[in-house]
PDB file of N, CA and C in Angstrom:
ATOM      1  N   MET A   1     221.164   7.373 312.218  1.00  0.00           N
ATOM      2  CA  MET A   1     222.251   8.314 311.759  1.00  0.00           C
ATOM      3  C   MET A   1     222.996   7.632 310.729  1.00  0.00           C
ATOM      4  N   GLU A   2     222.967   8.709 309.884  1.00  0.00           N
ATOM      5  CA  GLU A   2     223.902   8.179 308.772  1.00  0.00           C
ATOM      6  C   GLU A   2     225.243   8.434 309.169  1.00  0.00           C
ATOM      7  N   ARG A   3     225.961   7.385 308.121  1.00  0.00           N
ATOM      8  CA  ARG A   3     227.656   7.170 308.264  1.00  0.00           C
ATOM      9  C   ARG A   3     228.207   7.991 307.942  1.00  0.00           C
ATOM     10  N   GLY A   4     229.293   8.603 308.156  1.00  0.00           N
ATOM     11  CA  GLY A   4     229.914   9.401 307.756  1.00  0.00           C
ATOM     12  C   GLY A   4     231.088   9.164 306.377  1.00  0.00           C
ATOM     13  N   LYS A   5     231.755   9.889 305.812  1.00  0.00           N
ATOM     14  CA  LYS A   5     232.353   9.641 304.612  1.00  0.00           C
ATOM     15  C   LYS A   5     233.362   8.686 305.009  1.00  0.00           C
ATOM     16  N   THR A   6     233.940   7.822 303.789  1.00  0.00           N
ATOM     17  CA  THR A   6     234.966   6.875 304.208  1.00  0.00           C
ATOM     18  C   THR A   6     235.952   7.356 303.389  1.00  0.00           C
ATOM     19  N   LEU A   7     237.484   6.974 303.266  1.00  0.00           N
ATOM     20  CA  LEU A   7     238.496   7.362 302.863  1.00  0.00           C
ATOM     21  C   LEU A   7     238.257   6.559 301.416  1.00  0.00           C
ATOM     22  N   THR A   8     238.767   6.958 300.362  1.00  0.00           N
ATOM     23  CA  THR A   8     238.518   6.662 299.119  1.00  0.00           C
ATOM     24  C   THR A   8     240.102   5.662 299.178  1.00  0.00           C
ATOM     25  N   ILE A   9     240.238   4.754 298.136  1.00  0.00           N
ATOM     26  CA  ILE A   9     241.220   4.281 297.769  1.00  0.00           C
ATOM     27  C   ILE A   9     242.607   5.174 297.451  1.00  0.00           C
ATOM     28  N   PRO A  10     242.717   6.260 296.602  1.00  0.00           N
ATOM     29  CA  PRO A  10     243.476   6.999 296.412  1.00  0.00           C
ATOM     30  C   PRO A  10     243.964   7.924 297.948  1.00  0.00           C
ATOM     31  N   GLU A  11     242.814   8.172 298.890  1.00  0.00           N
ATOM     32  CA  GLU A  11     243.163   8.834 299.834  1.00  0.00           C
ATOM     33  C   GLU A  11     243.830   7.572 301.379  1.00  0.00           C
ATOM     34  N   ARG A  12     243.668   6.733 300.925  1.00  0.00           N
ATOM     35  CA  ARG A  12     243.981   5.471 301.619  1.00  0.00           C
ATOM     36  C   ARG A  12     245.750   5.383 301.353  1.00  0.00           C
ATOM     37  N   VAL A  13     246.002   5.021 300.010  1.00  0.00           N
ATOM     38  CA  VAL A  13     247.548   4.988 300.052  1.00  0.00           C
ATOM     39  C   VAL A  13     248.221   6.281 300.385  1.00  0.00           C
ATOM     40  N   GLN A  14     247.330   7.198 300.831  1.00  0.00           N
ATOM     41  CA  GLN A  14     248.168   8.832 300.661  1.00  0.00           C
ATOM     42  C   GLN A  14     248.595   8.676 302.318  1.00  0.00           C
ATOM     43  N   VAL A  15     247.426   8.036 303.110  1.00  0.00           N
ATOM     44  CA  VAL A  15     247.722   7.664 304.213  1.00  0.00           C
ATOM     45  C   VAL A  15     249.002   6.868 305.160  1.00  0.00           C
ATOM     46  N   ASP A  16     248.752   5.624 303.993  1.00  0.00           N
ATOM     47  CA  ASP A  16     249.837   4.539 304.101  1.00  0.00           C
ATOM     48  C   ASP A  16     251.651   5.249 303.846  1.00  0.00           C
ATOM     49  N   LEU A  17     251.193   6.161 302.997  1.00  0.00           N
ATOM     50  CA  LEU A  17     252.742   7.055 302.594  1.00  0.00           C
ATOM     51  C   LEU A  17     253.215   7.742 303.706  1.00  0.00           C
ATOM     52  N   MET A  18     252.197   8.222 304.425  1.00  0.00           N
ATOM     53  CA  MET A  18     252.452   9.539 305.443  1.00  0.00           C
ATOM     54  C   MET A  18     253.009   8.566 306.538  1.00  0.00           C
ATOM     55  N   VAL A  19     251.873   7.409 306.854  1.00  0.00           N
ATOM     56  CA  VAL A  19     252.361   6.595 308.193  1.00  0.00           C
ATOM     57  C   VAL A  19     254.213   6.201 307.851  1.00  0.00           C
ATOM     58  N   GLN A  20     254.215   5.624 306.631  1.00  0.00           N
ATOM     59  CA  GLN A  20     255.846   5.255 306.549  1.00  0.00           C
ATOM     60  C   GLN A  20     256.932   6.635 306.593  1.00  0.00           C
ATOM     61  N   LEU A  21     256.436   7.440 306.519  1.00  0.00           N
ATOM     62  CA  LEU A  21     257.181   8.905 306.340  1.00  0.00           C
ATOM     63  C   LEU A  21     256.864   9.543 307.856  1.00  0.00           C
ATOM     64  N   ASN A  22     256.292   8.559 309.031  1.00  0.00           N
ATOM     65  CA  ASN A  22     255.919   9.408 310.447  1.00  0.00           C
ATOM     66  C   ASN A  22     255.280  10.607 310.381  1.00  0.00           C
ATOM     67  N   MET A  23     254.188  10.711 309.578  1.00  0.00           N
ATOM     68  CA  MET A  23     253.765  12.023 309.735  1.00  0.00           C
ATOM     69  C   MET A  23     252.693  11.985 311.054  1.00  0.00           C
ATOM     70  N   SER A  24     252.268  12.726 311.545  1.00  0.00           N
ATOM     71  CA  SER A  24     251.355  12.566 312.812  1.00  0.00           C
ATOM     72  C   SER A  24     250.038  12.798 312.332  1.00  0.00           C
ATOM     73  N   ILE A  25     248.874  12.548 312.952  1.00  0.00           N
ATOM     74  CA  ILE A  25     247.585  12.093 312.346  1.00  0.00           C
ATOM     75  C   ILE A  25     247.048  13.545 312.016  1.00  0.00           C
ATOM     76  N   LEU A  26     247.580  14.645 313.057  1.00  0.00           N
ATOM     77  CA  LEU A  26     246.914  15.933 312.550  1.00  0.00           C
ATOM     78  C   LEU A  26     247.408  16.310 311.298  1.00  0.00           C
ATOM     79  N   LEU A  27     248.623  16.486 310.811  1.00  0.00           N
ATOM     80  CA  LEU A  27     248.952  16.551 309.796  1.00  0.00           C
ATOM     81  C   LEU A  27     248.403  15.723 308.741  1.00  0.00           C
ATOM     82  N   MET A  28     248.538  14.453 308.387  1.00  0.00           N
ATOM     83  CA  MET A  28     247.703  14.133 307.318  1.00  0.00           C
ATOM     84  C   MET A  28     245.883  14.001 307.350  1.00  0.00           C
ATOM     85  N   SER A  29     245.307  14.417 308.298  1.00  0.00           N
ATOM     86  CA  SER A  29     244.149  15.100 308.282  1.00  0.00           C
ATOM     87  C   SER A  29     243.943  16.530 307.634  1.00  0.00           C
ATOM     88  N   ALA A  30     245.123  16.678 307.682  1.00  0.00           N
ATOM     89  CA  ALA A  30     245.030  18.232 307.344  1.00  0.00           C
ATOM     90  C   ALA A  30     245.235  18.410 305.667  1.00  0.00           C
ATOM     91  N   ARG A  31     246.443  17.192 305.112  1.00  0.00           N
ATOM     92  CA  ARG A  31     246.422  16.896 304.035  1.00  0.00           C
ATOM     93  C   ARG A  31     245.557  16.570 302.903  1.00  0.00           C
ATOM     94  N   ILE A  32     244.557  15.754 303.691  1.00  0.00           N
ATOM     95  CA  ILE A  32     243.969  14.814 302.896  1.00  0.00           C
ATOM     96  C   ILE A  32     242.334  15.277 302.849  1.00  0.00           C
ATOM     97  N   HIS A  33     242.140  16.530 303.954  1.00  0.00           N
ATOM     98  CA  HIS A  33     240.949  17.424 304.460  1.00  0.00           C
ATOM     99  C   HIS A  33     239.798  16.228 304.713  1.00  0.00           C
ATOM    100  N   CYS A  34     240.185  15.225 305.689  1.00  0.00           N
ATOM    101  CA  CYS A  34     239.472  14.554 306.650  1.00  0.00           C
ATOM    102  C   CYS A  34     239.722  14.894 308.049  1.00  0.00           C
ATOM    103  N   SER A  35     238.715  13.847 308.705  1.00  0.00           N
ATOM    104  CA  SER A  35     238.562  14.052 310.144  1.00  0.00           C
ATOM    105  C   SER A  35     239.822  13.232 310.884  1.00  0.00           C
ATOM    106  N   ARG A  36     240.757  13.461 312.293  1.00  0.00           N
ATOM    107  CA  ARG A  36     241.581  12.411 312.394  1.00  0.00           C
ATOM    108  C   ARG A  36     240.950  11.352 313.260  1.00  0.00           C
ATOM    109  N   THR A  37     239.727  11.109 313.634  1.00  0.00           N
ATOM    110  CA  THR A  37     239.035  10.081 313.473  1.00  0.00           C
ATOM    111  C   THR A  37     238.747   8.813 312.423  1.00  0.00           C
ATOM    112  N   ILE A  38     238.871   9.257 311.211  1.00  0.00           N
ATOM    113  CA  ILE A  38     239.213   8.482 310.155  1.00  0.00           C
ATOM    114  C   ILE A  38     240.311   7.999 309.771  1.00  0.00           C
ATOM    115  N   ASN A  39     241.090   8.796 309.840  1.00  0.00           N
ATOM    116  CA  ASN A  39     242.483   8.497 309.695  1.00  0.00           C
ATOM    117  C   ASN A  39     242.873   7.459 310.959  1.00  0.00           C
ATOM    118  N   ASP A  40     242.549   7.487 312.065  1.00  0.00           N
ATOM    119  CA  ASP A  40     243.059   6.521 313.180  1.00  0.00           C
ATOM    120  C   ASP A  40     242.317   5.245 313.179  1.00  0.00           C
ATOM    121  N   CYS A  41     240.912   5.527 312.677  1.00  0.00           N
ATOM    122  CA  CYS A  41     240.390   4.231 312.330  1.00  0.00           C
ATOM    123  C   CYS A  41     240.963   3.386 310.912  1.00  0.00           C
ATOM    124  N   TYR A  42     241.010   3.844 309.902  1.00  0.00           N
ATOM    125  CA  TYR A  42     241.967   3.496 309.158  1.00  0.00           C
ATOM    126  C   TYR A  42     243.317   2.896 309.606  1.00  0.00           C
ATOM    127  N   MET A  43     244.353   3.171 310.276  1.00  0.00           N
ATOM    128  CA  MET A  43     245.133   3.001 310.949  1.00  0.00           C
ATOM    129  C   MET A  43     245.073   1.795 311.799  1.00  0.00           C
ATOM    130  N   SER A  44     244.446   1.654 312.587  1.00  0.00           N
ATOM    131  CA  SER A  44     244.198   0.983 313.631  1.00  0.00           C
ATOM    132  C   SER A  44     244.135  -0.540 312.949  1.00  0.00           C
ATOM    133  N   ASP A  45     243.110  -0.704 311.823  1.00  0.00           N
ATOM    134  CA  ASP A  45     243.010  -1.863 310.935  1.00  0.00           C
ATOM    135  C   ASP A  45     242.732  -1.692 309.632  1.00  0.00           C
ATOM    136  N   PRO A  46     243.786  -1.209 308.643  1.00  0.00           N
ATOM    137  CA  PRO A  46     243.325  -1.446 307.015  1.00  0.00           C
ATOM    138  C   PRO A  46     243.017  -1.858 306.448  1.00  0.00           C
ATOM    139  N   VAL A  47     242.963  -3.134 306.491  1.00  0.00           N
ATOM    140  CA  VAL A  47     242.350  -4.583 305.879  1.00  0.00           C
ATOM    141  C   VAL A  47     240.795  -4.278 306.243  1.00  0.00           C
ATOM    142  N   ALA A  48     240.321  -3.963 307.410  1.00  0.00           N
ATOM    143  CA  ALA A  48     238.963  -4.376 307.524  1.00  0.00           C
ATOM    144  C   ALA A  48     238.461  -3.311 307.522  1.00  0.00           C
ATOM    145  N   TYR A  49     238.774  -2.060 307.462  1.00  0.00           N
ATOM    146  CA  TYR A  49     238.258  -0.441 307.031  1.00  0.00           C
ATOM    147  C   TYR A  49     237.204  -0.677 305.697  1.00  0.00           C
ATOM    148  N   GLY A  50     236.293   0.152 306.557  1.00  0.00           N
ATOM    149  CA  GLY A  50     235.207   0.272 305.706  1.00  0.00           C
ATOM    150  C   GLY A  50     234.162  -0.860 305.299  1.00  0.00           C
ATOM    151  N   THR A  51     234.354  -2.011 305.876  1.00  0.00           N
ATOM    152  CA  THR A  51     233.804  -3.256 305.695  1.00  0.00           C
ATOM    153  C   THR A  51     232.393  -3.498 306.460  1.00  0.00           C
ATOM    154  N   SER A  52     232.167  -2.784 307.158  1.00  0.00           N
ATOM    155  CA  SER A  52     231.149  -3.242 308.013  1.00  0.00           C
ATOM    156  C   SER A  52     230.160  -2.170 307.172  1.00  0.00           C
ATOM    157  N   LYS A  53     228.604  -2.968 307.685  1.00  0.00           N
ATOM    158  CA  LYS A  53     227.730  -2.197 306.899  1.00  0.00           C
ATOM    159  C   LYS A  53     226.751  -1.858 308.078  1.00  0.00           C
ATOM    160  N   SER A  54     225.891  -0.783 307.998  1.00  0.00           N
ATOM    161  CA  SER A  54     225.211   0.125 308.622  1.00  0.00           C
ATOM    162  C   SER A  54     224.114  -1.007 308.646  1.00  0.00           C
ATOM    163  N   THR A  55     223.379  -0.853 310.068  1.00  0.00           N
ATOM    164  CA  THR A  55     222.558  -1.807 310.049  1.00  0.00           C
ATOM    165  C   THR A  55     220.704  -0.953 309.862  1.00  0.00           C
ATOM    166  N   GLY A  56     220.965   0.009 309.662  1.00  0.00           N
ATOM    167  CA  GLY A  56     219.949   1.017 309.630  1.00  0.00           C
ATOM    168  C   GLY A  56     219.337   1.422 310.813  1.00  0.00           C
ATOM    169  N   ARG A  57     218.155   1.831 310.932  1.00  0.00           N
ATOM    170  CA  ARG A  57     217.346   2.289 311.684  1.00  0.00           C
ATOM    171  C   ARG A  57     216.591   1.271 312.344  1.00  0.00           C
ATOM    172  N   ALA A  58     216.665   1.471 313.823  1.00  0.00           N
ATOM    173  CA  ALA A  58     215.581   0.173 314.650  1.00  0.00           C
ATOM    174  C   ALA A  58     214.298   0.400 314.291  1.00  0.00           C
ATOM    175  N   ARG A  59     213.591  -0.720 314.469  1.00  0.00           N
ATOM    176  CA  ARG A  59     212.281  -1.018 313.773  1.00  0.00           C
ATOM    177  C   ARG A  59     211.641  -0.524 315.386  1.00  0.00           C
ATOM    178  N   LYS A  60     210.315  -0.202 315.088  1.00  0.00           N
ATOM    179  CA  LYS A  60     209.457   0.551 316.191  1.00  0.00           C
ATOM    180  C   LYS A  60     209.074  -0.908 316.816  1.00  0.00           C
ATOM    181  N   LEU A  61     208.374  -1.793 316.019  1.00  0.00           N
ATOM    182  CA  LEU A  61     208.012  -3.317 316.143  1.00  0.00           C
ATOM    183  C   LEU A  61     208.657  -3.818 316.231  1.00  0.00           C
ATOM    184  N   LYS A  62     208.658  -5.525 316.891  1.00  0.00           N
ATOM    185  CA  LYS A  62     209.177  -6.629 316.436  1.00  0.00           C
ATOM    186  C   LYS A  62     208.428  -7.310 314.964  1.00  0.00           C
ATOM    187  N   GLN A  63     208.951  -8.481 314.212  1.00  0.00           N
ATOM    188  CA  GLN A  63     208.343  -8.520 313.274  1.00  0.00           C
ATOM    189  C   GLN A  63     207.089  -9.145 313.652  1.00  0.00           C
ATOM    190  N   ARG A  64     207.090 -10.278 315.241  1.00  0.00           N
ATOM    191  CA  ARG A  64     205.501 -10.667 315.443  1.00  0.00           C
ATOM    192  C   ARG A  64     205.031  -9.804 315.899  1.00  0.00           C
ATOM    193  N   ASP A  65     205.011  -8.558 316.504  1.00  0.00           N
ATOM    194  CA  ASP A  65     204.230  -7.530 316.785  1.00  0.00           C
ATOM    195  C   ASP A  65     203.391  -7.039 315.654  1.00  0.00           C
ATOM    196  N   GLU A  66     204.239  -6.778 314.563  1.00  0.00           N
ATOM    197  CA  GLU A  66     203.426  -6.260 313.283  1.00  0.00           C
ATOM    198  C   GLU A  66     202.404  -6.961 312.983  1.00  0.00           C
ATOM    199  N   LYS A  67     202.676  -8.139 312.734  1.00  0.00           N
ATOM    200  CA  LYS A  67     201.720  -9.236 312.402  1.00  0.00           C
ATOM    201  C   LYS A  67     200.194  -8.867 313.574  1.00  0.00           C
ATOM    202  N   ASN A  68     200.782  -9.085 314.822  1.00  0.00           N
ATOM    203  CA  ASN A  68     199.614  -8.753 315.765  1.00  0.00           C
ATOM    204  C   ASN A  68     199.080  -7.585 315.580  1.00  0.00           C
ATOM    205  N   VAL A  69     199.615  -6.756 315.770  1.00  0.00           N
ATOM    206  CA  VAL A  69     198.671  -5.409 315.078  1.00  0.00           C
ATOM    207  C   VAL A  69     197.740  -5.638 313.781  1.00  0.00           C
ATOM    208  N   ALA A  70     198.546  -5.980 312.550  1.00  0.00           N
ATOM    209  CA  ALA A  70     197.530  -5.853 311.457  1.00  0.00           C
ATOM    210  C   ALA A  70     196.348  -7.512 311.813  1.00  0.00           C
ATOM    211  N   ARG A  71     196.861  -8.135 312.440  1.00  0.00           N
ATOM    212  CA  ARG A  71     195.327  -8.976 312.967  1.00  0.00           C
ATOM    213  C   ARG A  71     194.552  -8.371 313.399  1.00  0.00           C
ATOM    214  N   ALA A  72     194.771  -7.631 314.552  1.00  0.00           N
ATOM    215  CA  ALA A  72     194.189  -7.098 315.538  1.00  0.00           C
ATOM    216  C   ALA A  72     193.150  -5.586 315.038  1.00  0.00           C
ATOM    217  N   VAL A  73     193.966  -5.129 313.936  1.00  0.00           N
ATOM    218  CA  VAL A  73     193.247  -3.917 313.395  1.00  0.00           C
ATOM    219  C   VAL A  73     192.496  -4.526 312.496  1.00  0.00           C
ATOM    220  N   SER A  74     192.346  -5.643 311.939  1.00  0.00           N
ATOM    221  CA  SER A  74     191.078  -5.960 311.202  1.00  0.00           C
ATOM    222  C   SER A  74     190.497  -6.372 311.703  1.00  0.00           C
ATOM    223  N   ASN A  75     190.303  -6.708 313.433  1.00  0.00           N
ATOM    224  CA  ASN A  75     189.128  -7.443 313.688  1.00  0.00           C
ATOM    225  C   ASN A  75     188.606  -6.492 315.004  1.00  0.00           C
ATOM    226  N   THR A  76     188.947  -5.039 315.061  1.00  0.00           N
ATOM    227  CA  THR A  76     188.561  -4.075 316.218  1.00  0.00           C
ATOM    228  C   THR A  76     188.164  -2.957 315.466  1.00  0.00           C
ATOM    229  N   MET A  77     187.535  -1.863 316.296  1.00  0.00           N
ATOM    230  CA  MET A  77     187.483  -0.719 316.130  1.00  0.00           C
ATOM    231  C   MET A  77     188.344   0.062 316.251  1.00  0.00           C
ATOM    232  N   LYS A  78     189.517  -0.190 317.411  1.00  0.00           N
ATOM    233  CA  LYS A  78     190.604   1.083 317.693  1.00  0.00           C
ATOM    234  C   LYS A  78     191.296   1.061 316.558  1.00  0.00           C
ATOM    235  N   SER A  79     191.775   1.835 316.526  1.00  0.00           N
ATOM    236  CA  SER A  79     192.997   2.787 315.477  1.00  0.00           C
ATOM    237  C   SER A  79     194.340   1.857 315.541  1.00  0.00           C
ATOM    238  N   ALA A  80     195.394   1.729 314.801  1.00  0.00           N
ATOM    239  CA  ALA A  80     196.618   1.181 314.544  1.00  0.00           C
ATOM    240  C   ALA A  80     197.187   2.159 315.479  1.00  0.00           C
ATOM    241  N   LYS A  81     197.516   3.189 315.662  1.00  0.00           N
ATOM    242  CA  LYS A  81     198.130   3.636 316.941  1.00  0.00           C
ATOM    243  C   LYS A  81     198.326   3.207 318.154  1.00  0.00           C
ATOM    244  N   MET A  82     196.505   3.105 318.481  1.00  0.00           N
ATOM    245  CA  MET A  82     196.454   2.799 319.967  1.00  0.00           C
ATOM    246  C   MET A  82     196.862   1.365 320.171  1.00  0.00           C
ATOM    247  N   LEU A  83     196.756   0.511 318.950  1.00  0.00           N
ATOM    248  CA  LEU A  83     197.384  -0.892 319.005  1.00  0.00           C
ATOM    249  C   LEU A  83     199.051  -0.888 319.185  1.00  0.00           C
ATOM    250  N   VAL A  84     199.655  -0.170 318.476  1.00  0.00           N
ATOM    251  CA  VAL A  84     200.950  -0.253 318.360  1.00  0.00           C
ATOM    252  C   VAL A  84     201.369   0.112 319.747  1.00  0.00           C
ATOM    253  N   GLN A  85     201.007   1.060 320.419  1.00  0.00           N
ATOM    254  CA  GLN A  85     201.018   1.648 321.779  1.00  0.00           C
ATOM    255  C   GLN A  85     200.880   0.253 322.731  1.00  0.00           C
ATOM    256  N   LYS A  86     199.844  -0.204 322.886  1.00  0.00           N
ATOM    257  CA  LYS A  86     199.397  -1.267 323.530  1.00  0.00           C
ATOM    258  C   LYS A  86     200.452  -2.329 323.219  1.00  0.00           C
ATOM    259  N   TYR A  87     201.079  -2.587 321.971  1.00  0.00           N
ATOM    260  CA  TYR A  87     202.218  -3.401 322.008  1.00  0.00           C
ATOM    261  C   TYR A  87     203.267  -3.533 322.356  1.00  0.00           C
ATOM    262  N   ASN A  88     203.832  -1.980 322.583  1.00  0.00           N
ATOM    263  CA  ASN A  88     205.232  -1.176 322.985  1.00  0.00           C
ATOM    264  C   ASN A  88     205.244  -1.138 324.437  1.00  0.00           C
ATOM    265  N   GLY A  89     204.465  -1.431 325.309  1.00  0.00           N
ATOM    266  CA  GLY A  89     203.926  -1.137 326.600  1.00  0.00           C
ATOM    267  C   GLY A  89     203.438  -0.098 327.171  1.00  0.00           C
ATOM    268  N   LYS A  90     203.064   1.278 326.249  1.00  0.00           N
ATOM    269  CA  LYS A  90     203.150   2.220 326.430  1.00  0.00           C
ATOM    270  C   LYS A  90     201.660   2.358 326.946  1.00  0.00           C
ATOM    271  N   CYS A  91     200.594   1.924 326.114  1.00  0.00           N
ATOM    272  CA  CYS A  91     199.535   1.996 327.059  1.00  0.00           C
ATOM    273  C   CYS A  91     198.754   0.886 327.927  1.00  0.00           C
ATOM    274  N   PRO A  92     198.064   1.243 329.063  1.00  0.00           N
ATOM    275  CA  PRO A  92     197.706   0.282 329.897  1.00  0.00           C
ATOM    276  C   PRO A  92     196.775  -0.546 329.419  1.00  0.00           C
ATOM    277  N   ASN A  93     195.878  -0.489 328.305  1.00  0.00           N
ATOM    278  CA  ASN A  93     194.590  -0.908 328.093  1.00  0.00           C
ATOM    279  C   ASN A  93     195.124  -2.230 327.067  1.00  0.00           C
TER     280      ASN A  93
END
């Protein structure tokens, strides 16, 4: 799943000012046109906000299993799909 929008630097400055003015999260969100969750995440830890990287989609096979499939495909008449199912544990053969 794709990551959502993060606050830009000017928006972060605006949020910081609104926090000092004791504005509510709902009002802040309405002013800068973003969700309450984004504001809440930023306010909980402004220094670390936006630094975590997305790990991406999980792989269907581990690297070792990919090598085993490639090795097995070159030596057999089975399809790659059948071998992948075998290594994933979906096929009893």
